[in-house]
Amino acid sequence: MQHGLSCAVSIQPFVPIGIDALVQALLRPGADESASEAAYHIVRAHVELQRVRTIRAELLASLDPRGEAAIFQQLLGLDHYERVARARRRRAAKSYDASAGATPDE
């Protein structure tokens, strides 16, 4: 089973309401272009994280109790993609906070 996480795909199956609606929900009133861009990156990273988690759940559901080395290797690979997606979301959130003049503790 190839998970396809290294390829860009449409996020539509993972975001039923649309990416623009999610970005708008994150934006504070009067947000500038940099805040809008940061909110977009937060949404994209979050959707990517959801995508990784969905694929992991599918792999775990198909796991043979006797164990298959290939599936275990794929699960280990998913950990990498999840760490990358979490880091992207964290960086985007920091960028968003900085563009709005907020401190990370707010």
C-alpha atoms as a PDB file:
ATOM      1  CA  MET A   1       0.000   0.000   0.000  1.00  0.00           C
ATOM      2  CA  GLN A   2       1.425   3.347  -1.015  1.00  0.00           C
ATOM      3  CA  HIS A   3       0.244   6.210   1.147  1.00  0.00           C
ATOM      4  CA  GLY A   4       1.147   8.966  -1.340  1.00  0.00           C
ATOM      5  CA  LEU A   5       1.997  11.534   1.326  1.00  0.00           C
ATOM      6  CA  SER A   6       5.020  12.806  -0.567  1.00  0.00           C
ATOM      7  CA  CYS A   7       2.751  13.973  -3.404  1.00  0.00           C
ATOM      8  CA  ALA A   8       0.572  17.051  -3.362  1.00  0.00           C
ATOM      9  CA  VAL A   9      -3.109  16.163  -3.528  1.00  0.00           C
ATOM     10  CA  SER A  10      -6.414  17.941  -3.348  1.00  0.00           C
ATOM     11  CA  ILE A  11      -7.434  18.631   0.223  1.00  0.00           C
ATOM     12  CA  GLN A  12     -11.148  18.508  -0.603  1.00  0.00           C
ATOM     13  CA  PRO A  13     -11.756  15.013   0.828  1.00  0.00           C
ATOM     14  CA  PHE A  14     -10.249  16.168   4.127  1.00  0.00           C
ATOM     15  CA  VAL A  15     -11.952  19.593   4.346  1.00  0.00           C
ATOM     16  CA  PRO A  16     -15.691  19.410   3.757  1.00  0.00           C
ATOM     17  CA  ILE A  17     -16.313  23.164   4.138  1.00  0.00           C
ATOM     18  CA  GLY A  18     -13.380  24.406   2.093  1.00  0.00           C
ATOM     19  CA  ILE A  19     -10.016  25.874   2.880  1.00  0.00           C
ATOM     20  CA  ASP A  20     -11.088  29.503   2.372  1.00  0.00           C
ATOM     21  CA  ALA A  21     -13.829  29.175   4.971  1.00  0.00           C
ATOM     22  CA  LEU A  22     -11.346  27.764   7.472  1.00  0.00           C
ATOM     23  CA  VAL A  23      -8.855  30.539   6.756  1.00  0.00           C
ATOM     24  CA  GLN A  24     -11.552  33.176   7.249  1.00  0.00           C
ATOM     25  CA  ALA A  25     -12.592  31.539  10.529  1.00  0.00           C
ATOM     26  CA  LEU A  26      -9.021  31.927  11.825  1.00  0.00           C
ATOM     27  CA  LEU A  27      -8.549  35.548  10.802  1.00  0.00           C
ATOM     28  CA  ARG A  28      -9.001  38.303  13.306  1.00  0.00           C
ATOM     29  CA  PRO A  29     -10.916  41.417  12.231  1.00  0.00           C
ATOM     30  CA  GLY A  30      -8.667  43.771  10.296  1.00  0.00           C
ATOM     31  CA  ALA A  31      -6.049  41.098   9.601  1.00  0.00           C
ATOM     32  CA  ASP A  32      -3.465  42.018   6.984  1.00  0.00           C
ATOM     33  CA  GLU A  33      -2.091  39.961   4.091  1.00  0.00           C
ATOM     34  CA  SER A  34       0.663  38.361   6.175  1.00  0.00           C
ATOM     35  CA  ALA A  35      -1.905  37.147   8.716  1.00  0.00           C
ATOM     36  CA  SER A  36      -4.048  35.784   5.910  1.00  0.00           C
ATOM     37  CA  GLU A  37      -1.079  33.931   4.438  1.00  0.00           C
ATOM     38  CA  ALA A  38      -0.118  32.541   7.844  1.00  0.00           C
ATOM     39  CA  ALA A  39      -3.708  31.391   8.457  1.00  0.00           C
ATOM     40  CA  TYR A  40      -3.651  29.643   5.077  1.00  0.00           C
ATOM     41  CA  HIS A  41      -0.467  27.800   6.063  1.00  0.00           C
ATOM     42  CA  ILE A  42      -2.005  26.791   9.401  1.00  0.00           C
ATOM     43  CA  VAL A  43      -5.006  25.300   7.608  1.00  0.00           C
ATOM     44  CA  ARG A  44      -2.878  23.490   5.013  1.00  0.00           C
ATOM     45  CA  ALA A  45      -0.615  22.013   7.690  1.00  0.00           C
ATOM     46  CA  HIS A  46      -3.589  20.955   9.801  1.00  0.00           C
ATOM     47  CA  VAL A  47      -5.234  19.267   6.833  1.00  0.00           C
ATOM     48  CA  GLU A  48      -1.974  17.469   6.060  1.00  0.00           C
ATOM     49  CA  LEU A  49      -1.847  16.285   9.665  1.00  0.00           C
ATOM     50  CA  GLN A  50      -5.410  14.971   9.367  1.00  0.00           C
ATOM     51  CA  ARG A  51      -4.451  13.214   6.154  1.00  0.00           C
ATOM     52  CA  VAL A  52      -1.532  11.434   7.859  1.00  0.00           C
ATOM     53  CA  ARG A  53      -3.742  10.391  10.750  1.00  0.00           C
ATOM     54  CA  THR A  54      -6.415   9.047   8.398  1.00  0.00           C
ATOM     55  CA  ILE A  55      -3.873   6.950   6.532  1.00  0.00           C
ATOM     56  CA  ARG A  56      -2.415   5.680   9.827  1.00  0.00           C
ATOM     57  CA  ALA A  57      -5.882   4.626  11.002  1.00  0.00           C
ATOM     58  CA  GLU A  58      -6.479   2.771   7.725  1.00  0.00           C
ATOM     59  CA  LEU A  59      -3.141   0.981   8.058  1.00  0.00           C
ATOM     60  CA  LEU A  60      -3.819   0.012  11.652  1.00  0.00           C
ATOM     61  CA  ALA A  61      -7.255  -1.302  10.709  1.00  0.00           C
ATOM     62  CA  SER A  62      -5.708  -3.525   8.046  1.00  0.00           C
ATOM     63  CA  LEU A  63      -2.952  -4.807  10.322  1.00  0.00           C
ATOM     64  CA  ASP A  64      -2.582  -8.570  10.426  1.00  0.00           C
ATOM     65  CA  PRO A  65      -2.124  -9.779  14.021  1.00  0.00           C
ATOM     66  CA  ARG A  66       0.749 -11.994  12.845  1.00  0.00           C
ATOM     67  CA  GLY A  67       2.516  -8.840  11.750  1.00  0.00           C
ATOM     68  CA  GLU A  68       3.725  -7.746   8.365  1.00  0.00           C
ATOM     69  CA  ALA A  69       7.059  -5.973   8.166  1.00  0.00           C
ATOM     70  CA  ALA A  70       5.910  -3.780   5.275  1.00  0.00           C
ATOM     71  CA  ILE A  71       3.019  -2.310   7.247  1.00  0.00           C
ATOM     72  CA  PHE A  72       5.260  -1.646  10.231  1.00  0.00           C
ATOM     73  CA  GLN A  73       7.701   0.159   7.931  1.00  0.00           C
ATOM     74  CA  GLN A  74       4.863   2.285   6.551  1.00  0.00           C
ATOM     75  CA  LEU A  75       3.705   3.124  10.070  1.00  0.00           C
ATOM     76  CA  LEU A  76       7.213   4.255  10.936  1.00  0.00           C
ATOM     77  CA  GLY A  77       7.266   6.385   7.782  1.00  0.00           C
ATOM     78  CA  LEU A  78       3.977   7.996   8.782  1.00  0.00           C
ATOM     79  CA  ASP A  79       5.569   9.186  12.004  1.00  0.00           C
ATOM     80  CA  HIS A  80       7.972  11.267   9.916  1.00  0.00           C
ATOM     81  CA  TYR A  81       5.158  12.861   7.912  1.00  0.00           C
ATOM     82  CA  GLU A  82       3.186  13.574  11.075  1.00  0.00           C
ATOM     83  CA  ARG A  83       6.174  15.286  12.732  1.00  0.00           C
ATOM     84  CA  VAL A  84       6.704  17.411   9.609  1.00  0.00           C
ATOM     85  CA  ALA A  85       3.026  18.406   9.456  1.00  0.00           C
ATOM     86  CA  ARG A  86       2.945  19.289  13.176  1.00  0.00           C
ATOM     87  CA  ALA A  87       6.100  21.380  12.798  1.00  0.00           C
ATOM     88  CA  ARG A  88       4.612  23.225   9.799  1.00  0.00           C
ATOM     89  CA  ARG A  89       1.422  23.938  11.714  1.00  0.00           C
ATOM     90  CA  ARG A  90       3.409  25.156  14.755  1.00  0.00           C
ATOM     91  CA  ARG A  91       5.592  27.459  12.610  1.00  0.00           C
ATOM     92  CA  ALA A  92       2.535  28.804  10.784  1.00  0.00           C
ATOM     93  CA  ALA A  93       0.786  29.506  14.093  1.00  0.00           C
ATOM     94  CA  LYS A  94       3.836  31.390  15.388  1.00  0.00           C
ATOM     95  CA  SER A  95       3.974  33.384  12.167  1.00  0.00           C
ATOM     96  CA  TYR A  96       0.277  34.147  12.448  1.00  0.00           C
ATOM     97  CA  ASP A  97       0.644  35.300  16.051  1.00  0.00           C
ATOM     98  CA  ALA A  98       3.619  37.461  15.103  1.00  0.00           C
ATOM     99  CA  SER A  99       1.727  39.072  12.228  1.00  0.00           C
ATOM    100  CA  ALA A 100      -1.110  39.958  14.596  1.00  0.00           C
ATOM    101  CA  GLY A 101       1.285  41.324  17.197  1.00  0.00           C
ATOM    102  CA  ALA A 102       0.312  38.667  19.745  1.00  0.00           C
ATOM    103  CA  THR A 103       2.647  36.938  22.120  1.00  0.00           C
ATOM    104  CA  PRO A 104       2.732  33.101  22.144  1.00  0.00           C
ATOM    105  CA  ASP A 105       1.180  33.068  25.643  1.00  0.00           C
ATOM    106  CA  GLU A 106      -1.979  34.852  24.530  1.00  0.00           C
END
